[in-house]
Protein backbone atom coordinates (compact mmCIF):
# COMPACT_ATOMS: atom_id res chain seq x y z
CA UNK A 1 -12.74 -3.46 -2.46
CA UNK A 2 -12.31 -5.23 -6.29
CA UNK A 3 -10.15 -5.69 -8.61
CA UNK A 4 -10.04 -3.61 -12.38
CA UNK A 5 -8.45 -4.48 -15.75
CA UNK A 6 -8.57 -3.17 -19.20
CA UNK A 7 -6.92 -2.20 -22.51
CA UNK A 8 -7.35 0.98 -24.81
CA UNK A 9 -6.10 0.51 -28.29
CA UNK A 10 -4.06 2.93 -30.38
CA UNK A 11 -3.70 1.50 -33.66
CA UNK A 12 -7.47 1.08 -35.00
CA UNK A 13 -7.51 -2.35 -33.95
CA UNK A 14 -10.07 -4.06 -31.60
CA UNK A 15 -9.15 -4.63 -27.87
CA UNK A 16 -8.00 -8.01 -26.98
CA UNK A 17 -11.08 -9.38 -25.32
CA UNK A 18 -9.01 -12.60 -24.09
CA UNK A 19 -6.41 -11.05 -22.90
CA UNK A 20 -8.97 -8.60 -20.76
CA UNK A 21 -10.88 -11.98 -19.58
CA UNK A 22 -7.40 -13.61 -18.47
CA UNK A 23 -6.30 -10.19 -16.46
CA UNK A 24 -10.06 -10.28 -14.86
CA UNK A 25 -9.87 -13.85 -13.93
CA UNK A 26 -5.99 -13.23 -12.60
CA UNK A 27 -8.00 -10.50 -9.91
CA UNK A 28 -10.51 -13.09 -8.82
CA UNK A 29 -9.46 -13.34 -5.44
CA UNK A 30 -9.63 -9.19 -5.05
CA UNK A 31 -13.51 -9.70 -6.11
CA UNK A 32 -15.02 -13.20 -5.20
CA UNK A 33 -18.50 -11.89 -5.60
CA UNK A 34 -18.92 -10.97 -8.88
CA UNK A 35 -17.64 -10.41 -12.47
CA UNK A 36 -17.99 -8.44 -15.36
CA UNK A 37 -16.98 -7.40 -18.75
CA UNK A 38 -17.35 -4.26 -21.22
CA UNK A 39 -16.21 -3.19 -24.64
CA UNK A 40 -16.67 -0.60 -27.20
CA UNK A 41 -14.82 0.70 -29.65
CA UNK A 42 -10.75 0.66 -29.07
CA UNK A 43 -11.65 0.16 -25.52
CA UNK A 44 -12.63 -3.15 -23.00
CA UNK A 45 -12.76 -3.26 -19.53
CA UNK A 46 -12.91 -6.06 -16.82
CA UNK A 47 -13.81 -5.89 -13.11
CA UNK A 48 -14.12 -8.49 -10.42
CA UNK A 49 -16.21 -7.31 -7.27
CA UNK A 50 -16.00 -7.82 -3.48
CA UNK A 51 -19.54 -6.21 -2.48
CA UNK A 52 -19.05 -3.82 0.37
CA UNK A 53 -21.42 -0.79 -0.59
CA UNK A 54 -24.70 -1.56 -2.57
CA UNK A 55 -25.00 -5.58 -2.59
CA UNK A 56 -27.46 -5.67 -4.99
CA UNK A 57 -26.41 -6.26 -9.03
CA UNK A 58 -27.15 -2.39 -9.41
CA UNK A 59 -23.84 -2.04 -8.15
CA UNK A 60 -22.26 -4.39 -10.59
CA UNK A 61 -19.66 -3.28 -12.59
CA UNK A 62 -18.44 -2.37 -15.30
CA UNK A 63 -21.01 0.40 -14.48
CA UNK A 64 -22.32 2.49 -17.43
CA UNK A 65 -24.26 5.69 -16.81
CA UNK A 66 -26.63 5.60 -20.54
CA UNK A 67 -27.70 9.29 -19.62
CA UNK A 68 -24.09 10.46 -19.53
CA UNK A 69 -22.58 8.48 -21.80
CA UNK A 70 -19.91 7.05 -19.52
CA UNK A 71 -19.04 3.65 -18.51
CA UNK A 72 -16.03 2.85 -15.54
CA UNK A 73 -14.65 0.84 -13.43
CA UNK A 74 -13.39 1.23 -9.84
CA UNK A 75 -11.73 -0.31 -6.64
CA UNK A 76 -11.88 1.33 -2.80
CA UNK A 77 -13.95 2.92 -1.44
CA UNK A 78 -15.41 6.86 -1.18
CA UNK A 79 -16.19 7.22 2.18
CA UNK A 80 -18.02 10.45 1.64
CA UNK A 81 -20.23 8.79 -1.16
CA UNK A 82 -23.56 9.47 0.79
CA UNK A 83 -22.75 13.48 1.36
CA UNK A 84 -21.38 13.42 -2.21
CA UNK A 85 -24.63 11.76 -3.74
CA UNK A 86 -27.39 14.50 -1.63
CA UNK A 87 -24.88 17.17 -3.54
CA UNK A 88 -25.29 15.62 -6.74
CA UNK A 89 -28.94 15.09 -6.42
CA UNK A 90 -29.24 18.97 -5.98
CA UNK A 91 -27.04 19.59 -9.03
CA UNK A 92 -29.86 17.76 -11.14
CA UNK A 93 -28.15 13.89 -11.07
CA UNK A 94 -30.56 11.12 -10.99
CA UNK A 95 -29.44 7.92 -9.79
CA UNK A 96 -29.90 4.05 -10.27
CA UNK A 97 -28.27 2.48 -7.53
CA UNK A 98 -26.93 3.54 -3.99
CA UNK A 99 -23.10 2.63 -4.87
CA UNK A 100 -20.42 4.83 -4.38
CA UNK A 101 -19.12 3.68 -8.00
CA UNK A 102 -22.19 5.85 -9.25
CA UNK A 103 -21.62 8.16 -7.36
CA UNK A 104 -18.14 8.55 -8.64
CA UNK A 105 -19.50 8.55 -12.59
CA UNK A 106 -22.06 11.69 -11.81
CA UNK A 107 -19.03 13.26 -10.15
CA UNK A 108 -16.84 12.68 -12.76
CA UNK A 109 -19.61 13.93 -15.17
CA UNK A 110 -20.24 17.57 -12.80
CA UNK A 111 -16.23 18.09 -12.32
CA UNK A 112 -14.89 16.22 -15.21
CA UNK A 113 -11.08 15.13 -13.82
CA UNK A 114 -11.63 17.67 -10.75
CA UNK A 115 -13.77 14.78 -9.23
CA UNK A 116 -10.78 13.48 -7.71
CA UNK A 117 -10.55 16.79 -5.53
CA UNK A 118 -13.98 15.85 -3.82
CA UNK A 119 -13.82 11.99 -3.04
CA UNK A 120 -12.74 11.07 0.27
CA UNK A 121 -11.16 7.82 0.31
CA UNK A 122 -9.16 5.12 -1.09
CA UNK A 123 -9.50 4.59 -4.91
CA UNK A 124 -8.25 3.70 -8.28
CA UNK A 125 -10.46 4.01 -11.52
CA UNK A 126 -11.02 4.10 -15.33
CA UNK A 127 -13.71 6.10 -16.55
CA UNK A 128 -14.25 6.04 -20.55
CA UNK A 129 -16.29 8.71 -22.25
CA UNK A 130 -17.88 7.08 -25.29
CA UNK A 131 -17.98 9.74 -27.55
CA UNK A 132 -14.51 10.82 -27.17
CA UNK A 133 -12.96 7.66 -26.80
CA UNK A 134 -10.91 9.24 -23.92
CA UNK A 135 -10.01 7.20 -20.59
CA UNK A 136 -9.09 8.91 -17.67
CA UNK A 137 -7.15 6.61 -15.17
CA UNK A 138 -6.76 7.92 -11.20
CA UNK A 139 -5.43 6.55 -8.00
CA UNK A 140 -5.79 7.73 -4.43
CA UNK A 141 -3.59 10.29 -2.67
CA UNK A 142 -1.86 8.12 -0.50
CA UNK A 143 -1.92 5.40 -3.55
CA UNK A 144 -3.82 2.87 -0.92
CA UNK A 145 -5.00 1.17 -4.00
CA UNK A 146 -2.95 0.36 -6.93
CA UNK A 147 -3.20 0.81 -10.56
CA UNK A 148 -0.59 -1.10 -13.12
CA UNK A 149 0.17 -0.27 -16.61
CA UNK A 150 1.76 -1.86 -19.70
CA UNK A 151 1.93 0.14 -22.52
CA UNK A 152 3.48 -0.12 -25.94
CA UNK A 153 2.65 2.05 -29.51
CA UNK A 154 -0.41 0.29 -29.98
CA UNK A 155 -1.85 -0.34 -26.66
CA UNK A 156 -2.06 0.02 -22.68
CA UNK A 157 -3.22 -2.19 -20.43
CA UNK A 158 -3.70 -1.66 -16.46
CA UNK A 159 -4.61 -3.49 -13.82
CA UNK A 160 -5.11 -3.58 -10.17
CA UNK A 161 -1.86 -6.33 -9.88
CA UNK A 162 0.90 -6.72 -11.55
CA UNK A 163 0.56 -10.55 -11.73
CA UNK A 164 -2.88 -9.87 -13.81
CA UNK A 165 -0.70 -7.90 -16.42
CA UNK A 166 1.24 -10.72 -16.77
CA UNK A 167 -1.76 -13.21 -17.60
CA UNK A 168 -2.78 -10.60 -20.16
CA UNK A 169 0.17 -11.62 -22.08
CA UNK A 170 2.65 -9.73 -24.12
CA UNK A 171 4.53 -7.90 -21.12
CA UNK A 172 8.22 -6.63 -21.19
CA UNK A 173 9.56 -9.00 -18.40
CA UNK A 174 13.17 -7.83 -18.40
CA UNK A 175 14.66 -6.13 -14.98
CA UNK A 176 14.86 -2.72 -14.82
CA UNK A 177 18.46 -1.99 -13.45
CA UNK A 178 17.18 1.21 -11.60
CA UNK A 179 14.48 -0.56 -10.03
CA UNK A 180 16.63 -3.25 -8.66
CA UNK A 181 19.02 -0.76 -7.16
CA UNK A 182 16.26 1.16 -5.45
CA UNK A 183 15.09 -2.50 -4.15
CA UNK A 184 18.54 -3.25 -2.65
CA UNK A 185 18.52 0.21 -1.19
CA UNK A 186 15.39 0.99 0.22
CA UNK A 187 14.10 -2.84 2.12
CA UNK A 188 12.45 -3.61 -1.25
CA UNK A 189 10.75 -0.49 -2.18
CA UNK A 190 10.42 0.49 -5.44
CA UNK A 191 9.09 3.81 -6.07
CA UNK A 192 6.04 4.62 -8.81
CA UNK A 193 6.41 4.98 -11.68
CA UNK A 194 8.66 1.95 -11.88
CA UNK A 195 8.48 -1.96 -11.11
CA UNK A 196 11.41 -4.48 -10.97
CA UNK A 197 9.90 -5.09 -14.43
CA UNK A 198 11.08 -2.98 -17.34
CA UNK A 199 7.53 -3.86 -19.46
CA UNK A 200 5.50 -2.67 -16.13
CA UNK A 201 4.97 0.93 -14.51
CA UNK A 202 2.59 2.17 -11.94
CA UNK A 203 0.53 5.43 -11.64
CA UNK A 204 2.15 7.04 -9.07
CA UNK A 205 -0.29 8.19 -6.00
CA UNK A 206 -2.56 11.57 -6.15
CA UNK A 207 -2.29 11.47 -10.39
CA UNK A 208 -4.64 11.40 -12.74
CA UNK A 209 -4.01 10.68 -15.89
CA UNK A 210 -6.06 11.39 -19.33
CA UNK A 211 -5.28 9.15 -22.19
CA UNK A 212 -6.61 10.12 -25.50
CA UNK A 213 -7.87 8.14 -28.48
CA UNK A 214 -4.79 8.18 -30.30
CA UNK A 215 -2.37 7.42 -27.70
CA UNK A 216 -1.16 10.84 -26.20
CA UNK A 217 -1.87 11.14 -22.08
CA UNK A 218 -1.27 13.84 -19.70
CA UNK A 219 -0.44 13.38 -16.06
CA UNK A 220 -1.63 15.84 -13.47
CA UNK A 221 -0.78 15.41 -9.60
CA UNK A 222 -3.74 16.97 -8.07
CA UNK A 223 -2.10 17.01 -3.76
CA UNK A 224 0.96 17.05 -2.13
CA UNK A 225 0.44 18.74 1.62
CA UNK A 226 3.24 21.35 2.35
CA UNK A 227 5.23 20.43 5.18
CA UNK A 228 5.86 23.91 6.75
CA UNK A 229 4.20 25.59 9.64
CA UNK A 230 0.72 27.26 8.69
CA UNK A 231 -0.46 30.65 9.88
CA UNK A 232 -3.72 29.07 10.78
CA UNK A 233 -1.94 26.81 13.37
CA UNK A 234 0.22 29.54 14.87
CA UNK A 235 0.43 29.55 18.65
CA UNK A 236 -1.25 26.20 19.38
CA UNK A 237 0.32 24.18 21.96
CA UNK A 238 0.82 20.67 22.73
CA UNK A 239 -2.60 20.04 24.28
CA UNK A 240 -3.68 21.74 21.43
CA UNK A 241 -2.19 19.58 18.60
CA UNK A 242 -3.51 16.63 21.05
CA UNK A 243 -7.06 17.92 21.00
CA UNK A 244 -6.62 18.53 16.88
CA UNK A 245 -5.07 15.19 16.23
CA UNK A 246 -7.56 13.39 18.28
CA UNK A 247 -10.76 14.95 16.35
CA UNK A 248 -9.18 14.45 13.19
CA UNK A 249 -8.36 10.42 13.82
CA UNK A 250 -11.80 10.19 15.46
CA UNK A 251 -13.42 11.43 12.22
CA UNK A 252 -11.23 9.69 10.28
CA UNK A 253 -12.08 6.21 12.09
CA UNK A 254 -15.91 7.32 11.89
CA UNK A 255 -15.36 7.58 8.08
CA UNK A 256 -13.98 4.08 7.46
CA UNK A 257 -16.99 2.54 9.14
CA UNK A 258 -19.23 3.51 6.02
CA UNK A 259 -20.17 -0.16 4.33
CA UNK A 260 -23.48 -2.22 3.97
CA UNK A 261 -21.49 -5.13 5.80
CA UNK A 262 -19.67 -4.98 9.47
CA UNK A 263 -16.32 -3.75 9.69
CA UNK A 264 -13.94 -5.18 12.30
CA UNK A 265 -10.10 -4.33 13.34
CA UNK A 266 -6.69 -6.08 13.01
CA UNK A 267 -5.29 -5.43 16.91
CA UNK A 268 -1.63 -5.88 17.11
CA UNK A 269 -1.69 -4.59 20.44
CA UNK A 270 0.33 -1.37 19.59
CA UNK A 271 -0.47 2.05 20.22
CA UNK A 272 -2.04 2.45 16.44
CA UNK A 273 -4.57 -0.01 15.85
CA UNK A 274 -5.22 0.43 19.75
CA UNK A 275 -6.39 3.72 19.26
CA UNK A 276 -8.67 2.60 16.09
CA UNK A 277 -10.32 0.40 18.55
CA UNK A 278 -10.55 2.98 21.66
CA UNK A 279 -12.31 5.50 19.06
CA UNK A 280 -14.60 3.12 17.46
CA UNK A 281 -15.43 2.25 21.25
CA UNK A 282 -16.05 5.92 22.01
CA UNK A 283 -18.24 6.17 18.72
CA UNK A 284 -20.75 3.27 20.46
CA UNK A 285 -19.55 0.17 18.83
CA UNK A 286 -20.18 -2.62 20.41
CA UNK A 287 -18.85 -6.20 19.82
CA UNK A 288 -16.50 -5.24 17.76
CA UNK A 289 -14.52 -7.90 15.93
CA UNK A 290 -10.73 -7.41 16.56
CA UNK A 291 -7.92 -10.31 14.89
CA UNK A 292 -4.27 -10.56 16.39
CA UNK A 293 -1.67 -13.12 15.14
CA UNK A 294 1.17 -14.40 16.45
CA UNK A 295 4.35 -17.06 15.53
CA UNK A 296 5.88 -19.34 17.70
CA UNK A 297 9.71 -18.27 18.98
CA UNK A 298 13.09 -18.62 17.43
CA UNK A 299 16.56 -18.39 18.51
CA UNK A 300 15.32 -16.55 21.37
CA UNK A 301 12.89 -14.18 19.92
CA UNK A 302 9.41 -13.68 20.76
CA UNK A 303 6.82 -14.32 17.88
CA UNK A 304 3.95 -12.39 19.62
CA UNK A 305 2.45 -9.53 21.59
CA UNK A 306 -0.78 -11.04 22.70
CA UNK A 307 -0.15 -9.79 26.43
CA UNK A 308 -1.18 -5.83 24.66
CA UNK A 309 -3.85 -6.93 22.58
CA UNK A 310 -5.66 -9.23 25.11
CA UNK A 311 -5.35 -6.00 27.27
CA UNK A 312 -7.04 -3.71 24.71
CA UNK A 313 -9.82 -6.46 23.84
CA UNK A 314 -10.50 -6.81 27.33
CA UNK A 315 -11.02 -3.07 27.81
CA UNK A 316 -13.31 -2.37 25.08
CA UNK A 317 -15.07 -5.74 25.07
CA UNK A 318 -14.38 -6.85 21.56
CA UNK A 319 -15.32 -10.10 20.08
CA UNK A 320 -11.45 -11.10 20.04
CA UNK A 321 -9.80 -13.59 17.96
CA UNK A 322 -6.32 -14.94 18.28
CA UNK A 323 -4.27 -16.96 15.75
CA UNK A 324 -1.12 -18.50 16.83
CA UNK A 325 1.29 -19.88 13.97
CA UNK A 326 3.61 -22.60 14.62
CA UNK A 327 7.34 -22.42 12.43
CA UNK A 328 6.12 -24.99 9.41
CA UNK A 329 3.14 -23.02 9.23
CA UNK A 330 5.34 -19.86 7.96
CA UNK A 331 7.45 -21.93 5.55
CA UNK A 332 4.16 -23.80 4.15
CA UNK A 333 2.21 -20.07 3.44
CA UNK A 334 5.41 -18.55 2.39
CA UNK A 335 4.41 -19.24 -1.46
CA UNK A 336 0.98 -18.28 -1.49
CA UNK A 337 2.08 -14.93 0.28
CA UNK A 338 4.70 -14.66 -2.38
CA UNK A 339 2.13 -15.59 -5.16
CA UNK A 340 -0.25 -12.54 -3.93
CA UNK A 341 2.70 -9.95 -4.10
CA UNK A 342 2.54 -7.60 -7.01
CA UNK A 343 5.96 -6.83 -6.23
CA UNK A 344 8.54 -8.67 -4.06
CA UNK A 345 8.46 -7.67 -0.89
CA UNK A 346 11.07 -8.61 2.21
CA UNK A 347 9.29 -7.65 5.16
CA UNK A 348 8.63 -10.13 8.02
CA UNK A 349 5.27 -8.96 8.48
CA UNK A 350 3.87 -9.79 4.44
CA UNK A 351 3.65 -13.38 5.77
CA UNK A 352 1.92 -12.68 8.72
CA UNK A 353 -0.48 -9.83 7.17
CA UNK A 354 -1.29 -12.95 4.67
CA UNK A 355 -2.21 -15.63 7.22
CA UNK A 356 -3.91 -13.46 9.40
CA UNK A 357 -6.13 -12.31 6.36
CA UNK A 358 -6.91 -15.78 5.46
CA UNK A 359 -8.81 -16.27 8.83
CA UNK A 360 -10.22 -12.99 9.29
CA UNK A 361 -11.63 -13.35 5.32
CA UNK A 362 -13.49 -16.42 6.81
CA UNK A 363 -15.84 -13.70 9.15
CA UNK A 364 -15.41 -10.03 7.63
CA UNK A 365 -14.84 -8.85 4.31
CA UNK A 366 -13.90 -5.04 5.87
CA UNK A 367 -11.66 -4.64 8.39
CA UNK A 368 -9.58 -1.31 9.62
CA UNK A 369 -5.81 -1.60 10.25
CA UNK A 370 -3.28 0.76 11.61
CA UNK A 371 -0.53 1.03 8.78
CA UNK A 372 0.99 4.50 8.41
CA UNK A 373 0.93 6.14 11.76
CA UNK A 374 5.11 5.55 11.95
CA UNK A 375 5.52 7.85 9.12
CA UNK A 376 2.75 10.06 9.38
CA UNK A 377 3.45 10.99 13.18
CA UNK A 378 7.26 10.33 13.27
CA UNK A 379 7.44 7.04 15.25
CA UNK A 380 10.64 5.77 13.61
CA UNK A 381 13.82 6.06 15.75
CA UNK A 382 16.02 7.27 12.81
CA UNK A 383 13.66 10.33 12.98
CA UNK A 384 15.24 11.99 15.67
CA UNK A 385 18.68 11.87 14.14
CA UNK A 386 17.36 13.43 10.79
CA UNK A 387 15.72 16.46 13.36
CA UNK A 388 19.31 17.24 14.42
CA UNK A 389 20.44 18.13 10.87
CA UNK A 390 20.14 21.29 8.97
CA UNK A 391 18.51 21.18 5.60
CA UNK A 392 21.35 20.94 3.23
CA UNK A 393 22.82 18.17 5.42
CA UNK A 394 19.61 16.27 4.58
CA UNK A 395 20.18 13.76 2.06
CA UNK A 396 23.72 12.19 3.42
CA UNK A 397 21.80 11.86 6.64
CA UNK A 398 18.69 10.06 5.46
CA UNK A 399 21.18 7.83 3.45
CA UNK A 400 22.57 6.78 6.55
CA UNK A 401 19.59 5.86 8.30
CA UNK A 402 17.39 4.38 6.15
CA UNK A 403 19.41 2.67 3.62
CA UNK A 404 19.96 -0.65 3.27
CA UNK A 405 23.21 -0.31 1.73
CA UNK A 406 25.47 1.92 -0.13
CA UNK A 407 25.64 2.30 -3.98
CA UNK A 408 29.49 1.14 -3.78
CA UNK A 409 28.29 -2.26 -1.99
CA UNK A 410 26.16 -3.28 -4.81
CA UNK A 411 29.17 -3.72 -7.25
CA UNK A 412 30.04 -6.85 -5.52
CA UNK A 413 26.49 -8.11 -4.95
CA UNK A 414 25.17 -8.02 -8.68
CA UNK A 415 26.50 -9.23 -11.99
CA UNK A 416 27.63 -6.46 -14.06
CA UNK A 417 24.61 -6.08 -16.60
CA UNK A 418 22.47 -5.54 -13.43
CA UNK A 419 24.36 -2.89 -11.93
CA UNK A 420 23.01 0.74 -12.44
CA UNK A 421 25.92 3.01 -14.18
CA UNK A 422 25.41 5.46 -11.05
CA UNK A 423 23.67 6.15 -7.80
CA UNK A 424 19.71 6.23 -8.77
CA UNK A 425 18.79 5.82 -5.15
CA UNK A 426 20.73 8.54 -3.70
CA UNK A 427 20.29 10.71 -6.81
CA UNK A 428 16.20 9.97 -6.36
CA UNK A 429 16.25 11.34 -2.68
CA UNK A 430 18.82 14.19 -3.38
CA UNK A 431 15.71 15.51 -5.71
CA UNK A 432 13.16 14.63 -3.44
CA UNK A 433 14.75 16.30 -0.16
CA UNK A 434 15.87 19.67 -2.11
CA UNK A 435 12.30 19.83 -3.52
CA UNK A 436 10.34 23.02 -2.05
CA UNK A 437 7.63 22.67 0.54
CA UNK A 438 9.27 21.43 3.76
CA UNK A 439 10.65 23.44 6.52
CA UNK A 440 13.09 21.49 7.93
CA UNK A 441 15.52 18.34 7.69
CA UNK A 442 12.91 16.04 9.28
CA UNK A 443 10.09 17.30 7.19
CA UNK A 444 11.87 16.54 4.15
CA UNK A 445 11.75 13.05 5.67
CA UNK A 446 8.44 12.74 6.60
CA UNK A 447 7.57 14.30 3.23
CA UNK A 448 9.21 11.44 1.46
CA UNK A 449 8.57 8.38 3.89
CA UNK A 450 4.93 9.01 3.78
CA UNK A 451 4.27 9.93 -0.21
CA UNK A 452 7.27 7.32 -1.78
CA UNK A 453 8.63 4.85 0.99
CA UNK A 454 5.43 3.92 2.94
CA UNK A 455 3.57 3.81 -0.29
CA UNK A 456 5.48 1.08 -1.83
CA UNK A 457 6.05 -1.04 1.09
CA UNK A 458 3.50 -1.10 3.93
CA UNK A 459 0.47 0.04 2.31
CA UNK A 460 1.05 -2.07 -0.82
CA UNK A 461 1.92 -4.86 1.88
CA UNK A 462 -1.46 -4.45 3.35
CA UNK A 463 -3.35 -4.18 0.15
CA UNK A 464 -1.88 -7.39 -1.05
CA UNK A 465 -2.00 -10.12 1.67
CA UNK A 466 -5.69 -8.82 2.49
CA UNK A 467 -7.21 -8.32 -0.86
CA UNK A 468 -5.74 -11.55 -1.91
CA UNK A 469 -8.28 -13.28 0.50
CA UNK A 470 -11.30 -10.66 -0.59
CA UNK A 471 -10.28 -8.66 2.43
CA UNK A 472 -10.51 -4.67 2.32
CA UNK A 473 -8.42 -3.03 4.74
CA UNK A 474 -9.16 0.56 5.66
CA UNK A 475 -6.39 2.74 7.00
CA UNK A 476 -7.27 5.49 8.96
CA UNK A 477 -4.14 7.11 10.02
CA UNK A 478 -4.03 7.63 5.74
CA UNK A 479 -6.65 10.11 6.15
CA UNK A 480 -5.69 12.53 4.00
CA UNK A 481 -6.97 15.21 5.84
CA UNK A 482 -5.39 13.77 9.12
CA UNK A 483 -2.04 13.61 6.64
CA UNK A 484 -2.35 17.19 5.88
CA UNK A 485 -3.11 18.25 9.96
CA UNK A 486 0.20 16.11 11.01
CA UNK A 487 2.13 17.55 8.02
CA UNK A 488 1.77 20.96 9.62
CA UNK A 489 2.41 20.16 13.41
CA UNK A 490 5.73 21.10 14.64
CA UNK A 491 8.46 18.41 14.60
CA UNK A 492 9.16 18.52 18.35
CA UNK A 493 5.51 17.52 19.12
CA UNK A 494 5.76 14.32 16.99
CA UNK A 495 9.16 13.78 18.12
CA UNK A 496 8.50 14.07 21.92
CA UNK A 497 8.24 10.81 23.99
CA UNK A 498 10.91 8.80 21.87
CA UNK A 499 8.65 9.66 18.54
CA UNK A 500 4.89 10.02 17.68
CA UNK A 501 4.36 12.11 20.96
CA UNK A 502 1.25 13.97 20.43
CA UNK A 503 -0.28 10.35 19.10
CA UNK A 504 0.70 9.10 22.53
CA UNK A 505 -1.04 12.35 24.12
CA UNK A 506 -4.14 11.29 22.62
CA UNK A 507 -3.96 7.39 23.70
CA UNK A 508 -3.37 8.42 27.37
CA UNK A 509 -6.93 9.99 26.95
CA UNK A 510 -8.39 6.87 25.94
CA UNK A 511 -6.07 3.84 26.24
CA UNK A 512 -4.52 1.87 29.58
CA UNK A 513 -1.31 3.96 30.19
CA UNK A 514 0.87 0.03 29.57
CA UNK A 515 -0.29 -0.27 25.88
CA UNK A 516 0.44 3.86 24.92
CA UNK A 517 4.06 3.60 26.97
CA UNK A 518 5.28 -0.16 26.03
CA UNK A 519 8.14 -0.54 24.22
CA UNK A 520 7.87 -0.05 19.84
CA UNK A 521 6.62 -3.59 18.61
CA UNK A 522 6.25 -4.84 15.28
CA UNK A 523 5.09 -8.11 13.89
CA UNK A 524 7.39 -10.38 14.27
CA UNK A 525 8.39 -13.51 12.14
CA UNK A 526 10.96 -15.20 13.90
CA UNK A 527 11.27 -17.80 11.29
CA UNK A 528 11.84 -15.71 8.30
CA UNK A 529 14.34 -13.28 10.14
CA UNK A 530 16.66 -15.98 11.60
CA UNK A 531 16.09 -18.25 8.50
CA UNK A 532 14.64 -21.14 10.67
CA UNK A 533 14.96 -24.59 8.62
CA UNK A 534 12.11 -24.88 6.57
CA UNK A 535 12.45 -21.20 5.28
CA UNK A 536 16.48 -21.26 4.72
CA UNK A 537 15.34 -24.35 2.76
CA UNK A 538 13.12 -22.73 0.69
CA UNK A 539 15.81 -19.95 -0.21
CA UNK A 540 18.49 -22.65 -1.21
CA UNK A 541 16.04 -24.43 -3.47
CA UNK A 542 15.21 -20.76 -4.82
CA UNK A 543 18.84 -19.54 -5.71
CA UNK A 544 19.98 -22.92 -6.68
CA UNK A 545 17.22 -23.78 -9.38
CA UNK A 546 17.95 -23.34 -13.10
CA UNK A 547 16.33 -20.28 -13.52
CA UNK A 548 18.09 -18.47 -11.18
CA UNK A 549 21.41 -19.72 -12.46
CA UNK A 550 20.12 -18.58 -15.83
CA UNK A 551 19.04 -15.18 -14.94
CA UNK A 552 22.06 -14.21 -13.07
CA UNK A 553 21.29 -11.66 -11.02
CA UNK A 554 23.73 -11.70 -8.04
CA UNK A 555 27.29 -12.76 -8.27
CA UNK A 556 27.83 -16.25 -7.27
CA UNK A 557 30.38 -15.32 -4.64
CA UNK A 558 27.97 -13.36 -3.50
CA UNK A 559 25.19 -16.05 -2.90
CA UNK A 560 27.85 -18.27 -1.16
CA UNK A 561 28.57 -15.96 1.14
CA UNK A 562 25.22 -15.48 2.24
CA UNK A 563 24.53 -19.09 2.29
CA UNK A 564 27.43 -20.15 4.30
CA UNK A 565 26.18 -18.21 7.36
CA UNK A 566 22.28 -17.15 6.75
CA UNK A 567 21.60 -15.32 10.08
CA UNK A 568 25.00 -13.52 10.10
CA UNK A 569 24.56 -10.60 7.01
CA UNK A 570 22.37 -7.80 7.72
CA UNK A 571 21.72 -4.84 5.87
CA UNK A 572 22.60 -1.18 7.61
CA UNK A 573 18.70 -1.40 9.01
CA UNK A 574 18.94 -4.99 10.07
CA UNK A 575 17.39 -6.82 7.61
CA UNK A 576 18.63 -10.41 6.86
CA UNK A 577 20.61 -9.72 3.61
CA UNK A 578 19.87 -13.53 2.28
CA UNK A 579 16.55 -12.76 2.55
CA UNK A 580 16.23 -9.92 0.59
CA UNK A 581 18.25 -11.54 -2.01
CA UNK A 582 16.34 -14.53 -2.13
CA UNK A 583 12.86 -13.25 -2.10
CA UNK A 584 13.42 -11.46 -5.45
CA UNK A 585 14.27 -14.74 -6.73
CA UNK A 586 11.41 -16.43 -5.44
CA UNK A 587 9.05 -13.90 -6.62
CA UNK A 588 10.47 -13.97 -10.10
CA UNK A 589 10.05 -17.86 -9.96
CA UNK A 590 6.55 -17.98 -8.39
CA UNK A 591 5.32 -16.03 -11.12
CA UNK A 592 7.21 -17.50 -13.85
CA UNK A 593 9.07 -14.57 -15.33
CA UNK A 594 11.83 -16.04 -17.19
């Protein structure tokens, strides 16, 4: 819900209002229902509004609480805002709206930066204290809502998207070699705080940053579950864990129905999104709107899973909508998806989500989605290998199963000035895996995937693609209480039945067994995976453009090798290597980065 922007000056000057306006206008797609600006002293804030809660103008932002001398901008949703409001009223606070934004401001007045501990939801926000000039920035526990930063000695700018920061101007757009290393190692993931641009960073998830008037700041990470077995759950068997997970997931799904507008579901037909539909039906939801997307087959690969989504829609009598996308529409929709990306993303389903969101947004402004279940409940095939190794062996095994390519391969891909001087991606993983708080090798891998890799791949992908059409996507599998429960669950219950065993046990209670026991699927986009004609034409165009040659990220001999056999070269994880290389260049050109 919404997009925010702002600037804080440290040099005694006034903020660049025109720059904040440009950033705010670039966020128009995230918030088509309203626009606001506020400035006082060294701080300016901008906001674009998507009306989800309190549809009146009382919920407009930037929101000022004159009594407590606070102004804030907020992106996301606090699912327990009604309960918090009642608690805060009992503590003497008076409200002028029914919005969750005002609840946030009152919560900050009551608890300071510890207010984040009271919030159940997804959020990024900025709160300004009028008297001290202090600005507090924060991001939700799982990084569902983004917050990008561009800082120099004179000022800090922040925004809900990287393109918005670029619109403000004055950003160092040179490439960060360490981030490029991560991009090519981790299927386009770049971990916070880095981005591929040297001048743009992102606030890490579960982090509060307090920025003082003179530019000094300190960060506090306020949440990190322990991936160990807890005494409170000792003695629980598979059935006990099934029931605990079902109750927690039911609560998570129910929370995400909080809105003053209808809420639908993106239904792929897989276990995760089907569970959301089933649990909503249990809650008494009727005529629930569900949406599925499919693509034309290419090179013998099927591009839709309508058989399963139709089965679920029929079982629970949803108001179901199918979208079949021809291959030529994929190539035509590619540039729109890339323009919506805050950072380059290579997963095929990025285009799928963008095209699907365009259609869904014509009918709804809020949906629930099944992202995150595979990381939280060990659904990917490589987790079994992680479970088979000892704790001290985990970094090498993780690299074997997760990395697109080893560090040594990057030397023949990248020009020397783009090559990091050591294995920065491997070092990052080794440091995370060695950190305390994970009991087994699998626990350490799930912690890394859930709190780093997932946030800057599927979570970011869903937010960017849906919000580009003013569609808010809520992800119940990333409810932080559910994630805490899953982190404590013994690995054998998650790994059972080929992965997500405990979740499949929940599914068997509420879903047709055909849906639970089906082969694992994904959002296939064959036209991209196999470089179908129009997509390959776009790739060739981007890699041969003058700016690509001038930039010179990749060795010409390597690019020529990929183009000679576009559907042959695959990364260790099976991704099309040409697509990964080309997408970075397409993204840079789309966003006019020289």
